[in-house]
Amino acid sequence: MEVPLKDIAIAVIGGAAGIAAILLVFVTFVVSRADALPGEAADRVIKRYTRVAKMGFIPLVIQVFAAFTAYWWLFHMGSVTLLNLWKYGFLAALGSFLLYAAWVLWML
């Protein structure tokens, strides 16, 4: 049984939007954590939290891009370019999310 591409696109939209939401909450948490550090905290510690928060926007933007291209493809199903963008963009989004998660664990 073959799954129609439009169903896969809808799943990509939901998955990418869900991961983007998780990333946004996490990045916001890290930013608030950096702001809550005491004034006598070392600059390198504050910079570490700030760097982790800023780098979180990279996978977040890639997730939003994957969701947007899948959504746009639903209106232009004949576009092979949009199809390839969301198909491979979602794989890149998942990869960037996993790399960011591993990097955060190593940094913090």
Protein backbone atom coordinates (compact mmCIF):
# COMPACT_ATOMS: atom_id res chain seq x y z
CA MET A 1 0.00 0.00 0.00
CA GLU A 2 1.45 3.33 -1.03
CA VAL A 3 0.83 6.41 1.09
CA PRO A 4 -0.23 9.47 -0.94
CA LEU A 5 2.30 12.30 -0.96
CA LYS A 6 -0.25 14.78 0.34
CA ASP A 7 -0.66 12.69 3.50
CA ILE A 8 3.10 12.64 3.96
CA ALA A 9 3.21 16.42 3.43
CA ILE A 10 0.57 16.90 6.12
CA ALA A 11 2.59 14.69 8.49
CA VAL A 12 5.73 16.73 7.71
CA ILE A 13 3.87 19.95 8.49
CA GLY A 14 2.72 18.58 11.84
CA GLY A 15 6.07 17.06 12.74
CA ALA A 16 8.11 20.08 11.76
CA ALA A 17 5.75 22.47 13.55
CA GLY A 18 5.84 20.30 16.68
CA ILE A 19 9.63 20.14 16.76
CA ALA A 20 9.85 23.88 16.07
CA ALA A 21 7.55 24.53 19.02
CA ILE A 22 9.69 22.35 21.29
CA LEU A 23 12.80 24.16 20.13
CA LEU A 24 11.23 27.55 20.73
CA VAL A 25 10.29 26.59 24.29
CA PHE A 26 13.77 25.22 24.96
CA VAL A 27 15.55 28.26 23.49
CA THR A 28 13.34 30.56 25.57
CA PHE A 29 14.16 28.50 28.66
CA VAL A 30 17.90 28.78 28.00
CA VAL A 31 17.63 32.55 27.46
CA SER A 32 15.74 32.97 30.74
CA ARG A 33 18.30 30.78 32.48
CA ALA A 34 21.12 32.98 31.17
CA ASP A 35 19.28 36.08 32.40
CA ALA A 36 18.79 34.51 35.83
CA LEU A 37 22.49 33.82 36.37
CA PRO A 38 23.93 35.89 39.21
CA GLY A 39 25.92 38.97 38.31
CA GLU A 40 29.11 37.46 39.65
CA ALA A 41 28.87 34.50 37.25
CA ALA A 42 31.84 34.17 34.93
CA ASP A 43 31.46 35.76 31.52
CA ARG A 44 32.29 32.45 29.83
CA VAL A 45 29.31 30.79 31.56
CA ILE A 46 26.93 33.53 30.44
CA LYS A 47 28.36 33.39 26.90
CA ARG A 48 27.92 29.61 26.85
CA TYR A 49 24.21 29.89 27.62
CA THR A 50 23.79 32.73 25.14
CA ARG A 51 25.57 30.75 22.41
CA VAL A 52 23.41 27.69 23.06
CA ALA A 53 20.26 29.81 22.80
CA LYS A 54 21.35 31.55 19.60
CA MET A 55 22.36 28.31 17.91
CA GLY A 56 18.88 26.92 18.65
CA PHE A 57 17.42 29.25 16.06
CA ILE A 58 19.21 27.39 13.23
CA PRO A 59 17.27 24.11 13.57
CA LEU A 60 14.14 26.11 14.42
CA VAL A 61 14.33 28.03 11.13
CA ILE A 62 15.02 24.84 9.19
CA GLN A 63 11.94 23.20 10.77
CA VAL A 64 9.76 26.18 9.88
CA PHE A 65 11.15 26.13 6.33
CA ALA A 66 10.32 22.43 5.96
CA ALA A 67 6.78 22.97 7.24
CA PHE A 68 6.26 26.00 5.00
CA THR A 69 7.48 24.28 1.84
CA ALA A 70 5.28 21.24 2.55
CA TYR A 71 2.31 23.54 3.11
CA TRP A 72 3.02 25.53 -0.05
CA TRP A 73 3.42 22.30 -2.04
CA LEU A 74 -0.15 21.33 -1.10
CA PHE A 75 -1.30 24.29 -3.21
CA HIS A 76 1.15 23.58 -6.07
CA MET A 77 1.40 19.79 -6.19
CA GLY A 78 2.88 19.85 -9.67
CA SER A 79 6.04 21.59 -8.44
CA VAL A 80 8.92 19.15 -8.25
CA THR A 81 11.09 21.84 -6.67
CA LEU A 82 8.73 22.30 -3.73
CA LEU A 83 8.37 18.53 -3.40
CA ASN A 84 12.14 18.08 -3.15
CA LEU A 85 12.47 21.04 -0.79
CA TRP A 86 10.10 19.65 1.82
CA LYS A 87 11.11 16.03 1.28
CA TYR A 88 14.82 16.62 1.80
CA GLY A 89 14.31 19.72 3.93
CA PHE A 90 12.54 17.67 6.58
CA LEU A 91 15.45 15.23 6.67
CA ALA A 92 17.83 18.17 7.08
CA ALA A 93 15.55 19.58 9.80
CA LEU A 94 15.61 16.32 11.73
CA GLY A 95 19.37 16.06 11.33
CA SER A 96 19.92 19.62 12.53
CA PHE A 97 17.62 18.99 15.50
CA LEU A 98 19.58 15.88 16.51
CA LEU A 99 22.92 17.64 16.07
CA TYR A 100 21.72 20.58 18.14
CA ALA A 101 20.42 18.29 20.88
CA ALA A 102 23.75 16.46 21.05
CA TRP A 103 25.68 19.75 21.01
CA VAL A 104 23.55 21.18 23.83
CA LEU A 105 24.17 18.12 25.98
CA TRP A 106 27.88 18.49 25.40
CA MET A 107 27.92 22.29 26.00
CA LEU A 108 25.80 22.39 29.14
